[in-house]
Amino acid sequence: MSYPKKQKSISLAWTGASGAPYGLKLLECLLAADYQVFLMISSAARVVLATEEGVQLSANGNKAEVQLNELFAARGEYGSPLKGSLHVLGKDEWFSPPASGSAAPKQMVICPCSTGTLAAVATGMSNSLLERAADVVIKERGQLILVPRETPFSSIHLEHMLSLSKLGATIMPAAPGFYHDPKSVQDLVNFMVARILDHLGVEHDLTNRWGYDKHNAEDSDK
């Protein structure tokens, strides 16, 4: 299969940790920002997506692409269709761009990231396209962001995070803040996705920024 190259491309992976809403919102924002997104979804991630979002995503990549695009169109937050392009890849699609340093995007986010995936990436397992894609970004000195969702973290988890941090990866646990006065679960999701987008250099208006929100503005008027 051929993949027409866009100026902005990124690899995104969803794994079996809780936090499917983060992954969905991040994907929607990247497509709205006109990114070419190579999406890898583990089998456990499909179970989590169905449990947390009620989305029964097909294991067939082409069908999954249609489902996700229809889902975002139904939300209508950014208009339809979204500007970017989506490619859902299977775990054995070794001839896809993320599998090779000569073609892979220089940025990758694993959100949510299970501790199993964390371990596989930290030890260079590369037993699936998802793991290989992360390995490629590391070896090519690209930007890798992992969003683990687990509590508490064991020493094993922390050692894997430290190993990846030393390799240049960014460890960004799914820990939304509350100082922006969230009114809904979606506000908390948006906060976390906003932090990820900040690190990727993607413009957004998902949440108020510290020092610019209404509370600080009111305080400055007193």
N, C-alpha and C. Protein backbone atom coordinates (compact mmCIF):
# COMPACT_ATOMS: atom_id res chain seq x y z
N MET A 1 0.84 -1.19 0.00
CA MET A 1 0.00 0.00 0.00
C MET A 1 0.88 1.24 0.00
N SER A 2 0.52 2.24 -0.77
CA SER A 2 1.28 3.49 -0.82
C SER A 2 0.67 4.50 0.14
N TYR A 3 1.53 5.35 0.70
CA TYR A 3 1.09 6.36 1.64
C TYR A 3 1.59 7.72 1.16
N PRO A 4 0.71 8.53 0.57
CA PRO A 4 1.14 9.85 0.12
C PRO A 4 1.66 10.67 1.29
N LYS A 5 2.86 11.20 1.16
CA LYS A 5 3.50 11.89 2.27
C LYS A 5 2.98 13.31 2.41
N LYS A 6 2.61 13.67 3.63
CA LYS A 6 2.21 15.03 3.96
C LYS A 6 3.37 15.73 4.67
N GLN A 7 3.33 17.02 4.69
CA GLN A 7 4.40 17.78 5.32
C GLN A 7 4.51 17.47 6.81
N LYS A 8 3.37 17.27 7.47
CA LYS A 8 3.36 16.97 8.89
C LYS A 8 2.83 15.55 9.10
N SER A 9 3.65 14.70 9.69
CA SER A 9 3.22 13.33 9.95
C SER A 9 3.66 12.91 11.34
N ILE A 10 2.93 11.98 11.91
CA ILE A 10 3.20 11.53 13.27
C ILE A 10 2.70 10.10 13.44
N SER A 11 3.37 9.35 14.30
CA SER A 11 2.90 8.02 14.67
C SER A 11 2.18 8.12 16.00
N LEU A 12 1.04 7.45 16.11
CA LEU A 12 0.25 7.45 17.33
C LEU A 12 -0.13 6.02 17.67
N ALA A 13 0.00 5.66 18.93
CA ALA A 13 -0.35 4.30 19.34
C ALA A 13 -1.28 4.32 20.53
N TRP A 14 -2.26 3.43 20.50
CA TRP A 14 -3.16 3.22 21.62
C TRP A 14 -2.91 1.82 22.16
N THR A 15 -2.72 1.70 23.47
CA THR A 15 -2.51 0.38 24.06
C THR A 15 -3.57 0.11 25.12
N GLY A 16 -3.37 -0.96 25.88
CA GLY A 16 -4.44 -1.46 26.74
C GLY A 16 -4.60 -0.80 28.09
N ALA A 17 -3.92 0.31 28.35
CA ALA A 17 -4.14 1.02 29.60
C ALA A 17 -5.46 1.78 29.55
N SER A 18 -6.02 2.05 30.72
CA SER A 18 -7.20 2.90 30.77
C SER A 18 -6.83 4.29 30.27
N GLY A 19 -7.78 4.94 29.61
CA GLY A 19 -7.50 6.28 29.09
C GLY A 19 -7.84 6.44 27.62
N ALA A 20 -8.76 5.63 27.13
CA ALA A 20 -9.17 5.73 25.73
C ALA A 20 -9.61 7.14 25.33
N PRO A 21 -10.30 7.89 26.20
CA PRO A 21 -10.71 9.25 25.81
C PRO A 21 -9.52 10.14 25.46
N TYR A 22 -8.39 9.95 26.14
CA TYR A 22 -7.20 10.73 25.81
C TYR A 22 -6.75 10.45 24.38
N GLY A 23 -6.68 9.16 24.05
CA GLY A 23 -6.23 8.77 22.72
C GLY A 23 -7.13 9.28 21.61
N LEU A 24 -8.45 9.18 21.84
CA LEU A 24 -9.40 9.65 20.83
C LEU A 24 -9.29 11.16 20.61
N LYS A 25 -9.23 11.90 21.71
CA LYS A 25 -9.16 13.36 21.58
C LYS A 25 -7.86 13.79 20.94
N LEU A 26 -6.77 13.14 21.29
CA LEU A 26 -5.48 13.48 20.69
C LEU A 26 -5.51 13.23 19.19
N LEU A 27 -6.06 12.10 18.77
CA LEU A 27 -6.16 11.80 17.35
C LEU A 27 -6.99 12.85 16.63
N GLU A 28 -8.12 13.21 17.20
CA GLU A 28 -8.99 14.21 16.59
C GLU A 28 -8.26 15.55 16.42
N CYS A 29 -7.51 15.94 17.43
CA CYS A 29 -6.79 17.22 17.38
C CYS A 29 -5.67 17.18 16.33
N LEU A 30 -4.98 16.07 16.22
CA LEU A 30 -3.91 15.96 15.24
C LEU A 30 -4.46 16.01 13.81
N LEU A 31 -5.58 15.35 13.59
CA LEU A 31 -6.21 15.40 12.27
C LEU A 31 -6.73 16.80 11.96
N ALA A 32 -7.26 17.45 12.97
CA ALA A 32 -7.74 18.83 12.77
C ALA A 32 -6.59 19.77 12.45
N ALA A 33 -5.38 19.42 12.94
CA ALA A 33 -4.20 20.24 12.69
C ALA A 33 -3.50 19.84 11.39
N ASP A 34 -4.17 19.03 10.57
CA ASP A 34 -3.69 18.64 9.25
C ASP A 34 -2.47 17.72 9.28
N TYR A 35 -2.44 16.83 10.26
CA TYR A 35 -1.37 15.84 10.33
C TYR A 35 -1.75 14.57 9.57
N GLN A 36 -0.74 13.93 9.02
CA GLN A 36 -0.88 12.55 8.54
C GLN A 36 -0.58 11.66 9.74
N VAL A 37 -1.57 10.90 10.19
CA VAL A 37 -1.42 10.11 11.41
C VAL A 37 -1.37 8.62 11.07
N PHE A 38 -0.30 7.98 11.51
CA PHE A 38 -0.18 6.53 11.41
C PHE A 38 -0.56 5.96 12.77
N LEU A 39 -1.75 5.37 12.83
CA LEU A 39 -2.31 4.91 14.10
C LEU A 39 -2.15 3.41 14.26
N MET A 40 -1.56 3.01 15.39
CA MET A 40 -1.41 1.60 15.73
C MET A 40 -2.22 1.31 16.98
N ILE A 41 -3.04 0.27 16.94
CA ILE A 41 -3.97 -0.03 18.03
C ILE A 41 -3.75 -1.48 18.46
N SER A 42 -3.42 -1.69 19.72
CA SER A 42 -3.26 -3.06 20.20
C SER A 42 -4.64 -3.69 20.39
N SER A 43 -4.66 -5.02 20.47
CA SER A 43 -5.94 -5.71 20.67
C SER A 43 -6.56 -5.33 22.01
N ALA A 44 -5.71 -5.15 23.03
CA ALA A 44 -6.23 -4.74 24.34
C ALA A 44 -6.81 -3.33 24.27
N ALA A 45 -6.23 -2.47 23.45
CA ALA A 45 -6.73 -1.11 23.31
C ALA A 45 -8.15 -1.11 22.74
N ARG A 46 -8.44 -2.03 21.86
CA ARG A 46 -9.80 -2.11 21.29
C ARG A 46 -10.82 -2.47 22.38
N VAL A 47 -10.40 -3.34 23.30
CA VAL A 47 -11.28 -3.71 24.41
C VAL A 47 -11.53 -2.50 25.31
N VAL A 48 -10.45 -1.76 25.61
CA VAL A 48 -10.58 -0.58 26.46
C VAL A 48 -11.45 0.48 25.78
N LEU A 49 -11.26 0.67 24.48
CA LEU A 49 -12.04 1.65 23.73
C LEU A 49 -13.53 1.31 23.79
N ALA A 50 -13.86 0.04 23.65
CA ALA A 50 -15.26 -0.38 23.73
C ALA A 50 -15.83 -0.19 25.14
N THR A 51 -14.99 -0.46 26.14
CA THR A 51 -15.44 -0.35 27.53
C THR A 51 -15.63 1.09 27.97
N GLU A 52 -14.67 1.96 27.60
CA GLU A 52 -14.68 3.33 28.11
C GLU A 52 -15.41 4.31 27.21
N GLU A 53 -15.46 4.02 25.91
CA GLU A 53 -16.08 4.97 24.97
C GLU A 53 -17.26 4.37 24.21
N GLY A 54 -17.50 3.08 24.38
CA GLY A 54 -18.59 2.43 23.67
C GLY A 54 -18.36 2.32 22.18
N VAL A 55 -17.10 2.38 21.76
CA VAL A 55 -16.75 2.31 20.34
C VAL A 55 -16.22 0.92 20.02
N GLN A 56 -16.95 0.18 19.21
CA GLN A 56 -16.53 -1.16 18.78
C GLN A 56 -15.73 -1.01 17.50
N LEU A 57 -14.43 -0.85 17.62
CA LEU A 57 -13.59 -0.55 16.47
C LEU A 57 -13.19 -1.83 15.75
N SER A 58 -13.36 -1.84 14.44
CA SER A 58 -13.02 -3.00 13.64
C SER A 58 -11.53 -3.28 13.68
N ALA A 59 -11.17 -4.56 13.59
CA ALA A 59 -9.76 -4.96 13.52
C ALA A 59 -9.20 -4.74 12.12
N ASN A 60 -10.09 -4.49 11.16
CA ASN A 60 -9.67 -4.19 9.80
C ASN A 60 -9.31 -2.70 9.71
N GLY A 61 -8.08 -2.42 9.29
CA GLY A 61 -7.60 -1.05 9.28
C GLY A 61 -8.45 -0.10 8.47
N ASN A 62 -8.84 -0.50 7.27
CA ASN A 62 -9.64 0.38 6.41
C ASN A 62 -11.00 0.69 7.03
N LYS A 63 -11.62 -0.35 7.61
CA LYS A 63 -12.92 -0.14 8.25
C LYS A 63 -12.78 0.73 9.49
N ALA A 64 -11.69 0.54 10.23
CA ALA A 64 -11.46 1.35 11.42
C ALA A 64 -11.28 2.81 11.07
N GLU A 65 -10.59 3.08 9.96
CA GLU A 65 -10.42 4.46 9.50
C GLU A 65 -11.76 5.12 9.25
N VAL A 66 -12.65 4.40 8.57
CA VAL A 66 -13.98 4.92 8.27
C VAL A 66 -14.75 5.18 9.56
N GLN A 67 -14.69 4.23 10.48
CA GLN A 67 -15.40 4.38 11.75
C GLN A 67 -14.94 5.62 12.52
N LEU A 68 -13.64 5.80 12.59
CA LEU A 68 -13.10 6.93 13.36
C LEU A 68 -13.43 8.26 12.69
N ASN A 69 -13.32 8.31 11.39
CA ASN A 69 -13.67 9.54 10.68
C ASN A 69 -15.15 9.87 10.85
N GLU A 70 -16.00 8.85 10.83
CA GLU A 70 -17.43 9.07 11.03
C GLU A 70 -17.71 9.54 12.46
N LEU A 71 -16.97 8.99 13.42
CA LEU A 71 -17.14 9.39 14.81
C LEU A 71 -16.81 10.86 15.00
N PHE A 72 -15.69 11.30 14.42
CA PHE A 72 -15.28 12.69 14.57
C PHE A 72 -16.24 13.62 13.81
N ALA A 73 -16.73 13.16 12.67
CA ALA A 73 -17.69 13.98 11.91
C ALA A 73 -18.98 14.16 12.71
N ALA A 74 -19.38 13.11 13.43
CA ALA A 74 -20.60 13.18 14.24
C ALA A 74 -20.43 14.18 15.38
N ARG A 75 -19.22 14.25 15.92
CA ARG A 75 -18.96 15.22 16.99
C ARG A 75 -19.02 16.64 16.43
N GLY A 76 -18.47 16.79 15.22
CA GLY A 76 -18.56 18.07 14.53
C GLY A 76 -17.81 19.22 15.16
N GLU A 77 -16.89 18.94 16.07
CA GLU A 77 -16.21 20.02 16.79
C GLU A 77 -15.28 20.82 15.88
N TYR A 78 -14.63 20.15 14.95
CA TYR A 78 -13.67 20.82 14.08
C TYR A 78 -14.15 20.91 12.63
N GLY A 79 -15.38 20.55 12.40
CA GLY A 79 -15.87 20.53 11.03
C GLY A 79 -15.62 19.18 10.39
N SER A 80 -16.23 18.94 9.26
CA SER A 80 -16.09 17.65 8.59
C SER A 80 -15.96 17.87 7.09
N PRO A 81 -15.00 17.18 6.45
CA PRO A 81 -14.05 16.24 7.06
C PRO A 81 -12.89 16.98 7.70
N LEU A 82 -12.16 16.27 8.57
CA LEU A 82 -10.96 16.84 9.17
C LEU A 82 -9.89 16.96 8.10
N LYS A 83 -8.98 17.90 8.29
CA LYS A 83 -8.01 18.21 7.24
C LYS A 83 -6.94 17.14 7.07
N GLY A 84 -6.57 16.47 8.14
CA GLY A 84 -5.48 15.50 8.08
C GLY A 84 -5.91 14.18 7.45
N SER A 85 -4.97 13.24 7.39
CA SER A 85 -5.27 11.92 6.84
C SER A 85 -4.90 10.85 7.86
N LEU A 86 -5.72 9.83 7.94
CA LEU A 86 -5.56 8.77 8.93
C LEU A 86 -5.24 7.44 8.26
N HIS A 87 -4.24 6.74 8.79
CA HIS A 87 -3.89 5.40 8.33
C HIS A 87 -3.82 4.49 9.55
N VAL A 88 -4.75 3.56 9.66
CA VAL A 88 -4.75 2.61 10.77
C VAL A 88 -3.97 1.38 10.33
N LEU A 89 -2.92 1.06 11.08
CA LEU A 89 -1.99 0.00 10.69
C LEU A 89 -2.11 -1.22 11.59
N GLY A 90 -1.98 -2.39 11.00
CA GLY A 90 -1.98 -3.63 11.76
C GLY A 90 -0.62 -3.90 12.37
N LYS A 91 -0.58 -4.83 13.31
CA LYS A 91 0.66 -5.08 14.06
C LYS A 91 1.76 -5.70 13.22
N ASP A 92 1.40 -6.24 12.05
CA ASP A 92 2.39 -6.89 11.20
C ASP A 92 2.65 -6.15 9.89
N GLU A 93 2.28 -4.89 9.81
CA GLU A 93 2.49 -4.12 8.58
C GLU A 93 3.91 -3.55 8.56
N TRP A 94 4.86 -4.45 8.32
CA TRP A 94 6.27 -4.09 8.40
C TRP A 94 6.75 -3.22 7.26
N PHE A 95 5.95 -3.09 6.21
CA PHE A 95 6.35 -2.25 5.07
C PHE A 95 5.71 -0.86 5.14
N SER A 96 5.12 -0.54 6.28
CA SER A 96 4.56 0.80 6.46
C SER A 96 5.65 1.75 6.93
N PRO A 97 5.51 3.05 6.71
CA PRO A 97 6.54 4.03 7.06
C PRO A 97 7.07 3.97 8.50
N PRO A 98 6.22 3.76 9.52
CA PRO A 98 6.76 3.77 10.88
C PRO A 98 7.77 2.67 11.18
N ALA A 99 7.85 1.66 10.32
CA ALA A 99 8.74 0.53 10.58
C ALA A 99 10.18 0.79 10.20
N SER A 100 10.45 1.87 9.47
CA SER A 100 11.80 2.12 8.97
C SER A 100 12.28 3.52 9.29
N GLY A 101 13.54 3.61 9.69
CA GLY A 101 14.13 4.90 9.98
C GLY A 101 14.22 5.80 8.77
N SER A 102 14.15 5.24 7.58
CA SER A 102 14.24 6.04 6.36
C SER A 102 12.92 6.70 6.00
N ALA A 103 11.84 6.31 6.68
CA ALA A 103 10.53 6.84 6.31
C ALA A 103 9.66 7.23 7.49
N ALA A 104 10.00 6.79 8.69
CA ALA A 104 9.14 7.00 9.84
C ALA A 104 9.02 8.47 10.23
N PRO A 105 7.85 8.88 10.72
CA PRO A 105 7.72 10.23 11.27
C PRO A 105 8.72 10.43 12.41
N LYS A 106 9.13 11.65 12.62
CA LYS A 106 10.10 11.95 13.67
C LYS A 106 9.45 12.11 15.04
N GLN A 107 8.12 12.08 15.08
CA GLN A 107 7.39 12.20 16.33
C GLN A 107 6.47 11.01 16.53
N MET A 108 6.35 10.56 17.78
CA MET A 108 5.44 9.47 18.10
C MET A 108 4.92 9.65 19.51
N VAL A 109 3.64 9.36 19.69
CA VAL A 109 3.01 9.40 21.01
C VAL A 109 2.33 8.05 21.26
N ILE A 110 2.56 7.49 22.44
CA ILE A 110 1.83 6.29 22.86
C ILE A 110 0.89 6.73 23.97
N CYS A 111 -0.39 6.81 23.65
CA CYS A 111 -1.39 7.38 24.57
C CYS A 111 -2.74 6.71 24.39
N PRO A 112 -3.21 5.96 25.39
CA PRO A 112 -2.53 5.67 26.65
C PRO A 112 -1.48 4.58 26.47
N CYS A 113 -0.52 4.55 27.40
CA CYS A 113 0.58 3.58 27.32
C CYS A 113 0.48 2.61 28.49
N SER A 114 0.31 1.34 28.20
CA SER A 114 0.26 0.33 29.25
C SER A 114 1.67 0.07 29.78
N THR A 115 1.76 -0.50 30.97
CA THR A 115 3.08 -0.80 31.52
C THR A 115 3.75 -1.94 30.74
N GLY A 116 2.94 -2.78 30.10
CA GLY A 116 3.51 -3.81 29.25
C GLY A 116 4.20 -3.22 28.03
N THR A 117 3.54 -2.24 27.41
CA THR A 117 4.15 -1.55 26.27
C THR A 117 5.37 -0.76 26.72
N LEU A 118 5.26 -0.13 27.88
CA LEU A 118 6.39 0.60 28.45
C LEU A 118 7.61 -0.30 28.57
N ALA A 119 7.41 -1.51 29.08
CA ALA A 119 8.50 -2.47 29.25
C ALA A 119 9.08 -2.90 27.90
N ALA A 120 8.19 -3.16 26.95
CA ALA A 120 8.65 -3.61 25.63
C ALA A 120 9.47 -2.55 24.93
N VAL A 121 9.04 -1.30 25.01
CA VAL A 121 9.77 -0.21 24.37
C VAL A 121 11.10 0.03 25.08
N ALA A 122 11.09 -0.03 26.41
CA ALA A 122 12.30 0.23 27.18
C ALA A 122 13.37 -0.82 26.93
N THR A 123 12.96 -2.02 26.59
CA THR A 123 13.92 -3.11 26.37
C THR A 123 14.13 -3.42 24.89
N GLY A 124 13.53 -2.62 24.01
CA GLY A 124 13.76 -2.80 22.58
C GLY A 124 13.20 -4.08 22.00
N MET A 125 12.06 -4.55 22.48
CA MET A 125 11.52 -5.84 22.05
C MET A 125 11.16 -5.87 20.57
N SER A 126 10.41 -4.85 20.09
CA SER A 126 10.04 -4.74 18.67
C SER A 126 9.35 -5.98 18.13
N ASN A 127 8.44 -6.55 18.92
CA ASN A 127 7.72 -7.74 18.47
C ASN A 127 6.46 -7.41 17.67
N SER A 128 6.10 -6.13 17.61
CA SER A 128 4.95 -5.69 16.83
C SER A 128 5.33 -4.38 16.15
N LEU A 129 4.51 -3.95 15.21
CA LEU A 129 4.79 -2.68 14.53
C LEU A 129 4.81 -1.54 15.54
N LEU A 130 3.91 -1.56 16.49
CA LEU A 130 3.85 -0.51 17.50
C LEU A 130 5.19 -0.39 18.23
N GLU A 131 5.70 -1.52 18.71
CA GLU A 131 6.97 -1.51 19.43
C GLU A 131 8.13 -1.12 18.51
N ARG A 132 8.11 -1.61 17.30
CA ARG A 132 9.16 -1.27 16.34
C ARG A 132 9.13 0.22 16.02
N ALA A 133 7.94 0.79 15.87
CA ALA A 133 7.83 2.21 15.56
C ALA A 133 8.46 3.06 16.66
N ALA A 134 8.23 2.68 17.91
CA ALA A 134 8.84 3.41 19.03
C ALA A 134 10.35 3.24 19.01
N ASP A 135 10.82 2.05 18.72
CA ASP A 135 12.25 1.77 18.65
C ASP A 135 12.91 2.62 17.56
N VAL A 136 12.22 2.76 16.44
CA VAL A 136 12.74 3.57 15.33
C VAL A 136 12.89 5.02 15.75
N VAL A 137 11.87 5.57 16.40
CA VAL A 137 11.93 6.97 16.82
C VAL A 137 13.09 7.19 17.79
N ILE A 138 13.31 6.23 18.67
CA ILE A 138 14.42 6.35 19.63
C ILE A 138 15.76 6.32 18.90
N LYS A 139 15.93 5.36 18.01
CA LYS A 139 17.23 5.23 17.35
C LYS A 139 17.52 6.36 16.39
N GLU A 140 16.45 6.98 15.86
CA GLU A 140 16.62 8.09 14.94
C GLU A 140 16.67 9.43 15.67
N ARG A 141 16.69 9.38 17.00
CA ARG A 141 16.76 10.58 17.83
C ARG A 141 15.57 11.52 17.58
N GLY A 142 14.39 10.89 17.43
CA GLY A 142 13.18 11.67 17.26
C GLY A 142 12.53 11.97 18.59
N GLN A 143 11.28 12.39 18.56
CA GLN A 143 10.54 12.75 19.78
C GLN A 143 9.53 11.66 20.10
N LEU A 144 9.73 11.01 21.23
CA LEU A 144 8.82 9.96 21.69
C LEU A 144 8.19 10.39 23.01
N ILE A 145 6.86 10.40 23.04
CA ILE A 145 6.12 10.74 24.26
C ILE A 145 5.30 9.52 24.67
N LEU A 146 5.46 9.12 25.92
CA LEU A 146 4.67 8.01 26.46
C LEU A 146 3.77 8.53 27.57
N VAL A 147 2.50 8.13 27.51
CA VAL A 147 1.51 8.59 28.49
C VAL A 147 1.00 7.38 29.27
N PRO A 148 1.77 6.96 30.29
CA PRO A 148 1.34 5.78 31.07
C PRO A 148 0.16 6.11 31.96
N ARG A 149 -0.70 5.12 32.17
CA ARG A 149 -1.86 5.27 33.06
C ARG A 149 -1.90 4.03 33.94
N GLU A 150 -1.32 4.16 35.11
CA GLU A 150 -1.28 3.07 36.08
C GLU A 150 -1.06 3.69 37.46
N THR A 151 -1.55 3.03 38.49
CA THR A 151 -1.28 3.52 39.85
C THR A 151 -1.48 2.38 40.85
N PRO A 152 -0.57 2.21 41.77
CA PRO A 152 0.71 2.90 41.87
C PRO A 152 1.71 2.33 40.87
N PHE A 153 2.81 3.04 40.68
CA PHE A 153 3.89 2.53 39.84
C PHE A 153 4.81 1.67 40.70
N SER A 154 5.17 0.50 40.18
CA SER A 154 6.14 -0.34 40.88
C SER A 154 7.55 0.11 40.51
N SER A 155 8.53 -0.43 41.20
CA SER A 155 9.93 -0.10 40.88
C SER A 155 10.27 -0.52 39.45
N ILE A 156 9.65 -1.60 38.99
CA ILE A 156 9.88 -2.05 37.60
C ILE A 156 9.41 -0.97 36.63
N HIS A 157 8.20 -0.46 36.85
CA HIS A 157 7.67 0.59 35.97
C HIS A 157 8.57 1.82 35.99
N LEU A 158 8.97 2.23 37.18
CA LEU A 158 9.78 3.44 37.32
C LEU A 158 11.15 3.26 36.68
N GLU A 159 11.73 2.08 36.79
CA GLU A 159 13.03 1.82 36.16
C GLU A 159 12.91 1.89 34.64
N HIS A 160 11.81 1.39 34.09
CA HIS A 160 11.61 1.46 32.65
C HIS A 160 11.42 2.92 32.20
N MET A 161 10.69 3.69 32.99
CA MET A 161 10.51 5.10 32.66
C MET A 161 11.84 5.84 32.71
N LEU A 162 12.66 5.55 33.71
CA LEU A 162 13.96 6.20 33.82
C LEU A 162 14.85 5.84 32.64
N SER A 163 14.83 4.57 32.26
CA SER A 163 15.63 4.13 31.10
C SER A 163 15.23 4.90 29.85
N LEU A 164 13.93 5.04 29.61
CA LEU A 164 13.45 5.75 28.43
C LEU A 164 13.73 7.24 28.51
N SER A 165 13.60 7.80 29.71
CA SER A 165 13.91 9.22 29.88
C SER A 165 15.37 9.50 29.56
N LYS A 166 16.26 8.61 29.95
CA LYS A 166 17.68 8.77 29.66
C LYS A 166 17.96 8.69 28.16
N LEU A 167 17.07 8.02 27.43
CA LEU A 167 17.21 7.90 25.97
C LEU A 167 16.58 9.09 25.25
N GLY A 168 15.99 10.00 26.01
CA GLY A 168 15.41 11.19 25.39
C GLY A 168 13.91 11.19 25.28
N ALA A 169 13.25 10.10 25.69
CA ALA A 169 11.79 10.05 25.63
C ALA A 169 11.19 10.93 26.73
N THR A 170 9.98 11.41 26.48
CA THR A 170 9.26 12.19 27.47
C THR A 170 8.21 11.30 28.13
N ILE A 171 8.28 11.18 29.45
CA ILE A 171 7.31 10.40 30.20
C ILE A 171 6.27 11.36 30.76
N MET A 172 5.04 11.23 30.31
CA MET A 172 3.99 12.18 30.69
C MET A 172 2.78 11.42 31.23
N PRO A 173 2.82 11.02 32.51
CA PRO A 173 1.71 10.26 33.07
C PRO A 173 0.38 10.98 32.89
N ALA A 174 -0.67 10.20 32.72
CA ALA A 174 -2.01 10.78 32.55
C ALA A 174 -2.48 11.32 33.90
N ALA A 175 -2.04 12.53 34.24
CA ALA A 175 -2.34 13.14 35.54
C ALA A 175 -2.84 14.56 35.32
N PRO A 176 -4.11 14.72 34.96
CA PRO A 176 -4.65 16.06 34.69
C PRO A 176 -4.66 16.93 35.94
N GLY A 177 -4.48 18.23 35.73
CA GLY A 177 -4.54 19.17 36.83
C GLY A 177 -5.96 19.64 37.10
N PHE A 178 -6.14 20.37 38.19
CA PHE A 178 -7.46 20.87 38.57
C PHE A 178 -7.47 22.38 38.74
N TYR A 179 -6.33 23.03 38.54
CA TYR A 179 -6.26 24.47 38.77
C TYR A 179 -7.01 25.29 37.72
N HIS A 180 -7.42 24.64 36.62
CA HIS A 180 -8.18 25.36 35.59
C HIS A 180 -9.68 25.25 35.82
N ASP A 181 -10.06 24.75 37.00
CA ASP A 181 -11.48 24.69 37.39
C ASP A 181 -12.31 23.87 36.40
N PRO A 182 -11.97 22.58 36.23
CA PRO A 182 -12.71 21.74 35.28
C PRO A 182 -14.16 21.54 35.70
N LYS A 183 -15.04 21.53 34.70
CA LYS A 183 -16.47 21.36 34.95
C LYS A 183 -16.96 19.97 34.52
N SER A 184 -16.12 19.23 33.82
CA SER A 184 -16.55 17.94 33.30
C SER A 184 -15.35 17.03 33.13
N VAL A 185 -15.63 15.75 32.89
CA VAL A 185 -14.56 14.79 32.58
C VAL A 185 -13.84 15.21 31.31
N GLN A 186 -14.58 15.74 30.34
CA GLN A 186 -13.97 16.18 29.09
C GLN A 186 -12.96 17.30 29.33
N ASP A 187 -13.24 18.15 30.30
CA ASP A 187 -12.28 19.21 30.63
C ASP A 187 -10.96 18.61 31.11
N LEU A 188 -11.04 17.53 31.88
CA LEU A 188 -9.83 16.86 32.37
C LEU A 188 -9.09 16.18 31.22
N VAL A 189 -9.84 15.58 30.32
CA VAL A 189 -9.23 14.96 29.13
C VAL A 189 -8.53 16.02 28.30
N ASN A 190 -9.22 17.14 28.09
CA ASN A 190 -8.64 18.22 27.28
C ASN A 190 -7.37 18.76 27.91
N PHE A 191 -7.32 18.85 29.23
CA PHE A 191 -6.12 19.34 29.90
C PHE A 191 -4.92 18.46 29.56
N MET A 192 -5.11 17.15 29.65
CA MET A 192 -3.99 16.23 29.40
C MET A 192 -3.58 16.27 27.93
N VAL A 193 -4.54 16.27 27.04
CA VAL A 193 -4.24 16.31 25.61
C VAL A 193 -3.56 17.62 25.26
N ALA A 194 -3.97 18.70 25.90
CA ALA A 194 -3.34 19.99 25.65
C ALA A 194 -1.86 19.96 26.00
N ARG A 195 -1.50 19.30 27.09
CA ARG A 195 -0.09 19.21 27.49
C ARG A 195 0.71 18.42 26.47
N ILE A 196 0.09 17.36 25.94
CA ILE A 196 0.76 16.57 24.90
C ILE A 196 0.97 17.41 23.65
N LEU A 197 -0.07 18.12 23.24
CA LEU A 197 0.04 18.96 22.04
C LEU A 197 1.09 20.05 22.22
N ASP A 198 1.20 20.60 23.43
CA ASP A 198 2.23 21.60 23.71
C ASP A 198 3.61 21.04 23.42
N HIS A 199 3.85 19.84 23.87
CA HIS A 199 5.17 19.22 23.67
C HIS A 199 5.42 18.89 22.21
N LEU A 200 4.37 18.64 21.47
CA LEU A 200 4.51 18.35 20.04
C LEU A 200 4.64 19.62 19.21
N GLY A 201 4.34 20.77 19.82
CA GLY A 201 4.38 22.03 19.08
C GLY A 201 3.15 22.26 18.23
N VAL A 202 2.02 21.70 18.65
CA VAL A 202 0.76 21.84 17.92
C VAL A 202 -0.11 22.89 18.60
N GLU A 203 -0.53 23.90 17.85
CA GLU A 203 -1.38 24.94 18.40
C GLU A 203 -2.76 24.38 18.75
N HIS A 204 -3.34 24.91 19.82
CA HIS A 204 -4.67 24.44 20.23
C HIS A 204 -5.29 25.48 21.17
N ASP A 205 -6.59 25.30 21.42
CA ASP A 205 -7.28 26.14 22.39
C ASP A 205 -8.14 25.28 23.31
N LEU A 206 -7.59 24.13 23.68
CA LEU A 206 -8.34 23.17 24.48
C LEU A 206 -8.58 23.63 25.90
N THR A 207 -7.67 24.41 26.44
CA THR A 207 -7.80 24.82 27.84
C THR A 207 -7.11 26.16 28.05
N ASN A 208 -7.49 26.85 29.11
CA ASN A 208 -6.85 28.11 29.45
C ASN A 208 -5.43 27.86 29.94
N ARG A 209 -4.53 28.79 29.66
CA ARG A 209 -3.15 28.66 30.09
C ARG A 209 -2.93 29.41 31.40
N TRP A 210 -2.00 28.90 32.17
CA TRP A 210 -1.68 29.50 33.45
C TRP A 210 -1.29 30.97 33.27
N GLY A 211 -1.90 31.83 34.08
CA GLY A 211 -1.60 33.25 33.98
C GLY A 211 -2.48 34.01 33.01
N TYR A 212 -3.27 33.27 32.20
CA TYR A 212 -4.12 33.91 31.21
C TYR A 212 -5.60 33.58 31.42
N ASP A 213 -5.91 32.79 32.46
CA ASP A 213 -7.31 32.40 32.63
C ASP A 213 -8.09 33.50 33.35
N LYS A 214 -9.38 33.28 33.49
CA LYS A 214 -10.25 34.34 34.02
C LYS A 214 -9.98 34.66 35.49
N HIS A 215 -9.53 33.62 36.24
CA HIS A 215 -9.27 33.85 37.67
C HIS A 215 -8.12 34.83 37.85
N ASN A 216 -7.03 34.62 37.10
CA ASN A 216 -5.90 35.51 37.22
C ASN A 216 -6.24 36.91 36.71
N ALA A 217 -7.08 36.95 35.66
CA ALA A 217 -7.48 38.25 35.12
C ALA A 217 -8.30 39.02 36.15
N GLU A 218 -9.18 38.30 36.87
CA GLU A 218 -9.99 38.95 37.90
C GLU A 218 -9.12 39.45 39.04
N ASP A 219 -8.13 38.62 39.43
CA ASP A 219 -7.24 39.02 40.51
C ASP A 219 -6.44 40.26 40.16
N SER A 220 -6.04 40.38 38.89
CA SER A 220 -5.22 41.52 38.47
C SER A 220 -6.02 42.82 38.47
N ASP A 221 -7.36 42.71 38.42
CA ASP A 221 -8.20 43.90 38.40
C ASP A 221 -8.50 44.43 39.81
N LYS A 222 -8.16 43.64 40.81
CA LYS A 222 -8.49 44.06 42.19
C LYS A 222 -7.52 45.11 42.70
